[in-house]
Amino acid sequence: MDLQEAIKRSIQTEKNAMDFYRLAATHMKDADAKRVFEVLARDEKEHAGQFFAIYQGGDINSFDDFIAKPPKEESDWMTDLRKMLDADFNERQAMELAMKKEQQLEKALREMAAKIDDAQVRQVYEDNAKSTNHHYQVIESEYARLMGMVHETDIDTFVRE
């Protein structure tokens, strides 16, 4: 696969993630969990925009039009979410799936970055991998809150007691 095709796929992957978070957020009952997924959806749109900025293909005329397209139902993000929605959707499962997806995406972005010679393009992949890792951490923290687990900021208190 050539570099421009890889970038185009990355734009689509970020849009798939955005669509996942948008749709999952609409099914969240917990207001804070919903807010986290809405923020993640906006972040994924920004990531797609970063890839779009370095894309030199002529087949995506408008970023806004591309982002406004309906979700790709065959994407693994949407396929997995639809399965969850067809069952008994809950925030815990959505967050577990989101953490798994973010870990997979971070790994793929880092692997891709390692293969790229162009410094500017490599930096976009590395920056997105770093942000994807941050997404994982945000979801993990929200998951802990939702599950009533000890928050990482309180861990020293519990260790000392």
N, C-alpha and C. Protein backbone atom coordinates (compact mmCIF):
# COMPACT_ATOMS: atom_id res chain seq x y z
N MET A 1 0.85 -1.18 0.00
CA MET A 1 0.00 0.00 0.00
C MET A 1 0.90 1.24 0.00
N ASP A 2 0.55 2.20 -0.83
CA ASP A 2 1.36 3.42 -0.85
C ASP A 2 0.95 4.35 0.29
N LEU A 3 1.76 5.36 0.52
CA LEU A 3 1.58 6.26 1.65
C LEU A 3 0.24 7.00 1.60
N GLN A 4 -0.15 7.50 0.44
CA GLN A 4 -1.41 8.24 0.34
C GLN A 4 -2.61 7.34 0.64
N GLU A 5 -2.54 6.08 0.22
CA GLU A 5 -3.61 5.13 0.54
C GLU A 5 -3.66 4.88 2.05
N ALA A 6 -2.51 4.79 2.68
CA ALA A 6 -2.45 4.60 4.14
C ALA A 6 -3.05 5.80 4.86
N ILE A 7 -2.74 6.99 4.38
CA ILE A 7 -3.29 8.20 5.00
C ILE A 7 -4.81 8.23 4.82
N LYS A 8 -5.27 7.88 3.64
CA LYS A 8 -6.72 7.85 3.38
C LYS A 8 -7.40 6.86 4.32
N ARG A 9 -6.80 5.71 4.51
CA ARG A 9 -7.36 4.73 5.44
C ARG A 9 -7.36 5.26 6.87
N SER A 10 -6.34 6.02 7.21
CA SER A 10 -6.28 6.60 8.55
C SER A 10 -7.38 7.63 8.76
N ILE A 11 -7.66 8.41 7.73
CA ILE A 11 -8.78 9.37 7.80
C ILE A 11 -10.07 8.60 8.08
N GLN A 12 -10.28 7.51 7.33
CA GLN A 12 -11.50 6.71 7.49
C GLN A 12 -11.54 6.07 8.88
N THR A 13 -10.43 5.57 9.35
CA THR A 13 -10.40 4.94 10.67
C THR A 13 -10.77 5.93 11.76
N GLU A 14 -10.25 7.13 11.67
CA GLU A 14 -10.58 8.16 12.67
C GLU A 14 -12.06 8.54 12.58
N LYS A 15 -12.60 8.58 11.36
CA LYS A 15 -14.03 8.85 11.21
C LYS A 15 -14.85 7.70 11.80
N ASN A 16 -14.39 6.47 11.58
CA ASN A 16 -15.09 5.31 12.16
C ASN A 16 -15.12 5.41 13.68
N ALA A 17 -14.00 5.81 14.26
CA ALA A 17 -13.94 5.97 15.72
C ALA A 17 -14.88 7.09 16.17
N MET A 18 -14.88 8.19 15.42
CA MET A 18 -15.77 9.30 15.73
C MET A 18 -17.23 8.85 15.71
N ASP A 19 -17.60 8.11 14.67
CA ASP A 19 -18.97 7.62 14.54
C ASP A 19 -19.32 6.68 15.69
N PHE A 20 -18.38 5.83 16.08
CA PHE A 20 -18.56 4.92 17.20
C PHE A 20 -18.89 5.71 18.47
N TYR A 21 -18.05 6.70 18.78
CA TYR A 21 -18.25 7.47 20.01
C TYR A 21 -19.54 8.28 19.96
N ARG A 22 -19.86 8.84 18.81
CA ARG A 22 -21.12 9.62 18.69
C ARG A 22 -22.32 8.73 18.95
N LEU A 23 -22.35 7.58 18.29
CA LEU A 23 -23.51 6.69 18.44
C LEU A 23 -23.57 6.11 19.85
N ALA A 24 -22.45 5.67 20.37
CA ALA A 24 -22.44 5.10 21.72
C ALA A 24 -22.90 6.14 22.74
N ALA A 25 -22.48 7.39 22.56
CA ALA A 25 -22.87 8.46 23.50
C ALA A 25 -24.38 8.63 23.55
N THR A 26 -25.05 8.44 22.42
CA THR A 26 -26.50 8.61 22.40
C THR A 26 -27.22 7.54 23.22
N HIS A 27 -26.53 6.45 23.53
CA HIS A 27 -27.13 5.35 24.29
C HIS A 27 -26.69 5.33 25.75
N MET A 28 -25.85 6.27 26.13
CA MET A 28 -25.34 6.32 27.50
C MET A 28 -26.40 6.91 28.43
N LYS A 29 -26.58 6.28 29.56
CA LYS A 29 -27.49 6.80 30.58
C LYS A 29 -26.75 7.68 31.58
N ASP A 30 -25.50 7.34 31.84
CA ASP A 30 -24.68 8.11 32.77
C ASP A 30 -24.19 9.38 32.08
N ALA A 31 -24.52 10.54 32.63
CA ALA A 31 -24.21 11.83 32.00
C ALA A 31 -22.71 12.04 31.82
N ASP A 32 -21.90 11.64 32.82
CA ASP A 32 -20.45 11.83 32.70
C ASP A 32 -19.85 10.91 31.64
N ALA A 33 -20.31 9.68 31.59
CA ALA A 33 -19.82 8.75 30.57
C ALA A 33 -20.20 9.25 29.18
N LYS A 34 -21.41 9.75 29.05
CA LYS A 34 -21.87 10.32 27.78
C LYS A 34 -20.98 11.47 27.36
N ARG A 35 -20.68 12.35 28.30
CA ARG A 35 -19.84 13.52 28.02
C ARG A 35 -18.43 13.09 27.57
N VAL A 36 -17.88 12.06 28.20
CA VAL A 36 -16.56 11.56 27.81
C VAL A 36 -16.60 11.07 26.36
N PHE A 37 -17.61 10.32 26.00
CA PHE A 37 -17.69 9.81 24.63
C PHE A 37 -17.91 10.94 23.62
N GLU A 38 -18.65 11.96 24.01
CA GLU A 38 -18.84 13.11 23.11
C GLU A 38 -17.52 13.85 22.88
N VAL A 39 -16.74 14.00 23.93
CA VAL A 39 -15.41 14.63 23.79
C VAL A 39 -14.51 13.77 22.91
N LEU A 40 -14.54 12.48 23.12
CA LEU A 40 -13.72 11.59 22.30
C LEU A 40 -14.13 11.65 20.83
N ALA A 41 -15.41 11.77 20.56
CA ALA A 41 -15.89 11.90 19.18
C ALA A 41 -15.30 13.15 18.53
N ARG A 42 -15.30 14.26 19.28
CA ARG A 42 -14.71 15.51 18.74
C ARG A 42 -13.22 15.34 18.50
N ASP A 43 -12.53 14.67 19.42
CA ASP A 43 -11.10 14.41 19.25
C ASP A 43 -10.83 13.59 18.00
N GLU A 44 -11.64 12.58 17.78
CA GLU A 44 -11.45 11.71 16.61
C GLU A 44 -11.66 12.50 15.32
N LYS A 45 -12.60 13.42 15.34
CA LYS A 45 -12.81 14.28 14.17
C LYS A 45 -11.56 15.12 13.93
N GLU A 46 -10.97 15.65 15.00
CA GLU A 46 -9.72 16.41 14.86
C GLU A 46 -8.60 15.54 14.30
N HIS A 47 -8.51 14.32 14.76
CA HIS A 47 -7.49 13.40 14.24
C HIS A 47 -7.68 13.18 12.74
N ALA A 48 -8.92 12.95 12.35
CA ALA A 48 -9.20 12.77 10.92
C ALA A 48 -8.77 14.01 10.14
N GLY A 49 -9.02 15.18 10.71
CA GLY A 49 -8.61 16.43 10.08
C GLY A 49 -7.11 16.56 9.95
N GLN A 50 -6.38 16.07 10.93
CA GLN A 50 -4.91 16.10 10.85
C GLN A 50 -4.41 15.22 9.71
N PHE A 51 -5.03 14.07 9.55
CA PHE A 51 -4.65 13.20 8.43
C PHE A 51 -5.08 13.81 7.10
N PHE A 52 -6.27 14.40 7.08
CA PHE A 52 -6.76 15.03 5.86
C PHE A 52 -5.80 16.13 5.41
N ALA A 53 -5.23 16.86 6.34
CA ALA A 53 -4.32 17.97 6.02
C ALA A 53 -3.06 17.50 5.29
N ILE A 54 -2.68 16.24 5.48
CA ILE A 54 -1.48 15.73 4.79
C ILE A 54 -1.83 14.80 3.62
N TYR A 55 -3.12 14.63 3.39
CA TYR A 55 -3.56 13.76 2.30
C TYR A 55 -3.49 14.52 0.98
N GLN A 56 -2.85 13.91 0.00
CA GLN A 56 -2.69 14.56 -1.30
C GLN A 56 -3.56 13.96 -2.39
N GLY A 57 -4.39 12.99 -2.03
CA GLY A 57 -5.30 12.41 -3.01
C GLY A 57 -6.40 13.40 -3.37
N GLY A 58 -6.95 13.23 -4.55
CA GLY A 58 -7.96 14.16 -5.03
C GLY A 58 -9.38 13.64 -4.90
N ASP A 59 -9.55 12.50 -4.25
CA ASP A 59 -10.88 11.88 -4.21
C ASP A 59 -11.71 12.30 -3.00
N ILE A 60 -11.15 13.04 -2.07
CA ILE A 60 -11.91 13.59 -0.95
C ILE A 60 -11.88 15.11 -1.13
N ASN A 61 -12.95 15.64 -1.68
CA ASN A 61 -12.97 17.06 -2.01
C ASN A 61 -13.14 17.96 -0.80
N SER A 62 -13.99 17.54 0.13
CA SER A 62 -14.31 18.38 1.28
C SER A 62 -14.26 17.53 2.55
N PHE A 63 -13.48 17.99 3.50
CA PHE A 63 -13.40 17.28 4.78
C PHE A 63 -14.77 17.27 5.45
N ASP A 64 -15.44 18.39 5.47
CA ASP A 64 -16.74 18.47 6.12
C ASP A 64 -17.76 17.52 5.48
N ASP A 65 -17.75 17.43 4.16
CA ASP A 65 -18.66 16.50 3.48
C ASP A 65 -18.31 15.06 3.82
N PHE A 66 -17.03 14.76 3.88
CA PHE A 66 -16.58 13.40 4.21
C PHE A 66 -17.04 13.04 5.63
N ILE A 67 -16.84 13.94 6.56
CA ILE A 67 -17.20 13.70 7.96
C ILE A 67 -18.71 13.57 8.12
N ALA A 68 -19.46 14.26 7.30
CA ALA A 68 -20.93 14.24 7.40
C ALA A 68 -21.56 12.98 6.82
N LYS A 69 -20.78 12.19 6.10
CA LYS A 69 -21.33 10.95 5.53
C LYS A 69 -21.79 10.02 6.65
N PRO A 70 -22.79 9.20 6.35
CA PRO A 70 -23.25 8.22 7.36
C PRO A 70 -22.10 7.27 7.75
N PRO A 71 -22.19 6.69 8.94
CA PRO A 71 -21.14 5.75 9.37
C PRO A 71 -21.02 4.58 8.41
N LYS A 72 -19.79 4.08 8.28
CA LYS A 72 -19.56 2.85 7.50
C LYS A 72 -19.93 1.68 8.39
N GLU A 73 -21.06 1.11 8.12
CA GLU A 73 -21.57 0.03 8.97
C GLU A 73 -20.66 -1.19 8.97
N GLU A 74 -19.88 -1.38 7.90
CA GLU A 74 -19.00 -2.54 7.83
C GLU A 74 -17.68 -2.35 8.57
N SER A 75 -17.44 -1.14 9.11
CA SER A 75 -16.20 -0.93 9.86
C SER A 75 -16.25 -1.76 11.14
N ASP A 76 -15.09 -2.20 11.61
CA ASP A 76 -15.08 -3.01 12.82
C ASP A 76 -15.57 -2.22 14.03
N TRP A 77 -15.35 -0.90 14.05
CA TRP A 77 -15.85 -0.07 15.13
C TRP A 77 -17.38 -0.16 15.20
N MET A 78 -18.02 0.01 14.05
CA MET A 78 -19.49 0.02 14.02
C MET A 78 -20.06 -1.38 14.16
N THR A 79 -19.42 -2.36 13.55
CA THR A 79 -19.90 -3.74 13.65
C THR A 79 -19.95 -4.17 15.11
N ASP A 80 -18.87 -3.91 15.84
CA ASP A 80 -18.82 -4.29 17.25
C ASP A 80 -19.84 -3.52 18.08
N LEU A 81 -20.00 -2.24 17.79
CA LEU A 81 -20.99 -1.45 18.53
C LEU A 81 -22.40 -1.93 18.23
N ARG A 82 -22.70 -2.22 16.98
CA ARG A 82 -24.05 -2.69 16.62
C ARG A 82 -24.38 -3.99 17.35
N LYS A 83 -23.40 -4.89 17.46
CA LYS A 83 -23.62 -6.14 18.21
C LYS A 83 -23.99 -5.82 19.65
N MET A 84 -23.30 -4.86 20.22
CA MET A 84 -23.57 -4.47 21.60
C MET A 84 -24.95 -3.83 21.73
N LEU A 85 -25.32 -3.01 20.76
CA LEU A 85 -26.62 -2.35 20.80
C LEU A 85 -27.76 -3.35 20.63
N ASP A 86 -27.51 -4.41 19.86
CA ASP A 86 -28.53 -5.44 19.66
C ASP A 86 -28.72 -6.29 20.92
N ALA A 87 -27.71 -6.31 21.77
CA ALA A 87 -27.80 -7.03 23.05
C ALA A 87 -28.22 -6.00 24.11
N ASP A 88 -27.79 -6.20 25.31
CA ASP A 88 -28.10 -5.26 26.38
C ASP A 88 -26.95 -4.27 26.53
N PHE A 89 -27.05 -3.14 25.83
CA PHE A 89 -26.01 -2.12 25.86
C PHE A 89 -25.88 -1.56 27.26
N ASN A 90 -24.62 -1.40 27.69
CA ASN A 90 -24.37 -0.66 28.92
C ASN A 90 -23.02 0.05 28.82
N GLU A 91 -22.86 1.05 29.66
CA GLU A 91 -21.66 1.87 29.62
C GLU A 91 -20.39 1.05 29.84
N ARG A 92 -20.45 0.11 30.77
CA ARG A 92 -19.28 -0.71 31.08
C ARG A 92 -18.78 -1.43 29.83
N GLN A 93 -19.66 -2.09 29.12
CA GLN A 93 -19.27 -2.81 27.91
C GLN A 93 -18.75 -1.86 26.84
N ALA A 94 -19.40 -0.72 26.70
CA ALA A 94 -18.96 0.26 25.70
C ALA A 94 -17.56 0.75 26.01
N MET A 95 -17.29 0.98 27.27
CA MET A 95 -15.95 1.46 27.65
C MET A 95 -14.90 0.37 27.50
N GLU A 96 -15.25 -0.85 27.82
CA GLU A 96 -14.32 -1.97 27.62
C GLU A 96 -13.97 -2.10 26.14
N LEU A 97 -14.99 -2.02 25.30
CA LEU A 97 -14.75 -2.10 23.86
C LEU A 97 -13.92 -0.91 23.38
N ALA A 98 -14.24 0.27 23.86
CA ALA A 98 -13.49 1.47 23.46
C ALA A 98 -12.02 1.38 23.88
N MET A 99 -11.76 0.87 25.07
CA MET A 99 -10.36 0.72 25.51
C MET A 99 -9.62 -0.26 24.60
N LYS A 100 -10.27 -1.35 24.27
CA LYS A 100 -9.66 -2.34 23.37
C LYS A 100 -9.36 -1.72 22.01
N LYS A 101 -10.34 -0.99 21.46
CA LYS A 101 -10.17 -0.36 20.15
C LYS A 101 -9.06 0.69 20.18
N GLU A 102 -8.99 1.48 21.24
CA GLU A 102 -7.95 2.50 21.34
C GLU A 102 -6.56 1.86 21.43
N GLN A 103 -6.44 0.77 22.15
CA GLN A 103 -5.15 0.08 22.23
C GLN A 103 -4.74 -0.46 20.86
N GLN A 104 -5.68 -1.05 20.15
CA GLN A 104 -5.39 -1.57 18.82
C GLN A 104 -4.99 -0.44 17.87
N LEU A 105 -5.71 0.67 17.95
CA LEU A 105 -5.42 1.79 17.07
C LEU A 105 -4.05 2.40 17.39
N GLU A 106 -3.74 2.55 18.66
CA GLU A 106 -2.44 3.09 19.02
C GLU A 106 -1.31 2.22 18.46
N LYS A 107 -1.45 0.92 18.61
CA LYS A 107 -0.44 -0.01 18.09
C LYS A 107 -0.29 0.15 16.58
N ALA A 108 -1.40 0.21 15.86
CA ALA A 108 -1.37 0.35 14.40
C ALA A 108 -0.73 1.68 13.99
N LEU A 109 -1.06 2.75 14.70
CA LEU A 109 -0.48 4.06 14.37
C LEU A 109 1.03 4.06 14.60
N ARG A 110 1.47 3.48 15.70
CA ARG A 110 2.91 3.43 15.99
C ARG A 110 3.65 2.56 14.96
N GLU A 111 3.05 1.46 14.59
CA GLU A 111 3.66 0.60 13.57
C GLU A 111 3.77 1.33 12.24
N MET A 112 2.73 2.05 11.89
CA MET A 112 2.74 2.81 10.64
C MET A 112 3.80 3.91 10.69
N ALA A 113 3.85 4.63 11.80
CA ALA A 113 4.83 5.71 11.95
C ALA A 113 6.25 5.19 11.76
N ALA A 114 6.52 4.00 12.26
CA ALA A 114 7.86 3.43 12.17
C ALA A 114 8.27 3.12 10.72
N LYS A 115 7.30 2.99 9.84
CA LYS A 115 7.57 2.65 8.44
C LYS A 115 7.68 3.88 7.54
N ILE A 116 7.40 5.06 8.06
CA ILE A 116 7.29 6.26 7.23
C ILE A 116 8.59 7.05 7.25
N ASP A 117 9.09 7.38 6.06
CA ASP A 117 10.31 8.17 5.93
C ASP A 117 10.05 9.67 6.03
N ASP A 118 8.91 10.12 5.52
CA ASP A 118 8.57 11.54 5.52
C ASP A 118 8.36 12.00 6.96
N ALA A 119 9.18 12.93 7.42
CA ALA A 119 9.15 13.37 8.82
C ALA A 119 7.81 14.00 9.22
N GLN A 120 7.23 14.80 8.33
CA GLN A 120 5.97 15.46 8.63
C GLN A 120 4.84 14.44 8.80
N VAL A 121 4.77 13.51 7.89
CA VAL A 121 3.73 12.49 7.94
C VAL A 121 3.94 11.58 9.15
N ARG A 122 5.18 11.20 9.39
CA ARG A 122 5.49 10.36 10.56
C ARG A 122 5.05 11.06 11.84
N GLN A 123 5.28 12.38 11.91
CA GLN A 123 4.90 13.14 13.11
C GLN A 123 3.39 13.12 13.33
N VAL A 124 2.62 13.20 12.26
CA VAL A 124 1.16 13.14 12.39
C VAL A 124 0.75 11.79 12.98
N TYR A 125 1.36 10.72 12.50
CA TYR A 125 1.05 9.39 13.03
C TYR A 125 1.48 9.28 14.49
N GLU A 126 2.66 9.77 14.82
CA GLU A 126 3.14 9.70 16.20
C GLU A 126 2.26 10.53 17.13
N ASP A 127 1.89 11.72 16.70
CA ASP A 127 1.02 12.57 17.52
C ASP A 127 -0.33 11.91 17.76
N ASN A 128 -0.87 11.29 16.72
CA ASN A 128 -2.16 10.62 16.86
C ASN A 128 -2.04 9.38 17.74
N ALA A 129 -0.92 8.68 17.69
CA ALA A 129 -0.71 7.53 18.57
C ALA A 129 -0.67 7.99 20.03
N LYS A 130 0.00 9.09 20.27
CA LYS A 130 0.08 9.64 21.63
C LYS A 130 -1.31 10.05 22.12
N SER A 131 -2.07 10.71 21.27
CA SER A 131 -3.41 11.12 21.63
C SER A 131 -4.32 9.91 21.84
N THR A 132 -4.13 8.88 21.06
CA THR A 132 -4.91 7.66 21.19
C THR A 132 -4.62 6.99 22.53
N ASN A 133 -3.36 7.01 22.94
CA ASN A 133 -3.00 6.49 24.27
C ASN A 133 -3.70 7.31 25.35
N HIS A 134 -3.75 8.61 25.16
CA HIS A 134 -4.45 9.48 26.12
C HIS A 134 -5.94 9.12 26.16
N HIS A 135 -6.53 8.83 25.02
CA HIS A 135 -7.93 8.41 24.98
C HIS A 135 -8.13 7.17 25.85
N TYR A 136 -7.23 6.22 25.68
CA TYR A 136 -7.31 4.99 26.49
C TYR A 136 -7.32 5.35 27.98
N GLN A 137 -6.41 6.22 28.38
CA GLN A 137 -6.31 6.60 29.79
C GLN A 137 -7.57 7.31 30.28
N VAL A 138 -8.14 8.17 29.45
CA VAL A 138 -9.37 8.87 29.81
C VAL A 138 -10.51 7.87 30.01
N ILE A 139 -10.63 6.94 29.08
CA ILE A 139 -11.70 5.93 29.18
C ILE A 139 -11.47 5.05 30.39
N GLU A 140 -10.23 4.66 30.63
CA GLU A 140 -9.91 3.82 31.79
C GLU A 140 -10.28 4.52 33.09
N SER A 141 -9.99 5.80 33.17
CA SER A 141 -10.34 6.57 34.36
C SER A 141 -11.86 6.66 34.53
N GLU A 142 -12.57 6.93 33.46
CA GLU A 142 -14.03 7.01 33.52
C GLU A 142 -14.63 5.65 33.86
N TYR A 143 -14.05 4.60 33.32
CA TYR A 143 -14.49 3.23 33.62
C TYR A 143 -14.35 2.96 35.12
N ALA A 144 -13.21 3.35 35.69
CA ALA A 144 -12.98 3.15 37.12
C ALA A 144 -14.01 3.92 37.94
N ARG A 145 -14.31 5.14 37.53
CA ARG A 145 -15.33 5.93 38.25
C ARG A 145 -16.68 5.25 38.17
N LEU A 146 -17.04 4.84 36.97
CA LEU A 146 -18.33 4.22 36.75
C LEU A 146 -18.48 2.92 37.54
N MET A 147 -17.40 2.19 37.67
CA MET A 147 -17.42 0.91 38.37
C MET A 147 -17.20 1.06 39.88
N GLY A 148 -17.01 2.30 40.34
CA GLY A 148 -16.80 2.52 41.76
C GLY A 148 -15.44 2.08 42.24
N MET A 149 -14.48 2.03 41.32
CA MET A 149 -13.12 1.64 41.67
C MET A 149 -12.37 2.84 42.24
N VAL A 150 -11.27 2.57 42.88
CA VAL A 150 -10.43 3.63 43.42
C VAL A 150 -9.82 4.39 42.24
N HIS A 151 -9.97 5.70 42.26
CA HIS A 151 -9.40 6.54 41.22
C HIS A 151 -7.89 6.63 41.42
N GLU A 152 -7.15 6.74 40.33
CA GLU A 152 -5.68 6.78 40.41
C GLU A 152 -5.16 7.93 41.27
N THR A 153 -5.92 9.01 41.38
CA THR A 153 -5.47 10.13 42.21
C THR A 153 -5.63 9.83 43.70
N ASP A 154 -6.42 8.83 44.03
CA ASP A 154 -6.62 8.45 45.43
C ASP A 154 -5.79 7.26 45.85
N ILE A 155 -5.05 6.68 44.96
CA ILE A 155 -4.35 5.43 45.23
C ILE A 155 -3.34 5.58 46.38
N ASP A 156 -2.64 6.69 46.47
CA ASP A 156 -1.66 6.89 47.55
C ASP A 156 -2.35 6.87 48.92
N THR A 157 -3.53 7.44 48.99
CA THR A 157 -4.28 7.45 50.24
C THR A 157 -4.59 6.03 50.68
N PHE A 158 -5.05 5.20 49.77
CA PHE A 158 -5.41 3.84 50.10
C PHE A 158 -4.20 2.98 50.41
N VAL A 159 -3.09 3.23 49.75
CA VAL A 159 -1.87 2.47 49.99
C VAL A 159 -1.33 2.77 51.38
N ARG A 160 -1.40 4.03 51.81
CA ARG A 160 -0.87 4.43 53.11
C ARG A 160 -1.73 3.93 54.26
N GLU A 161 -3.02 3.73 54.04
CA GLU A 161 -3.93 3.36 55.14
C GLU A 161 -3.84 1.93 55.53
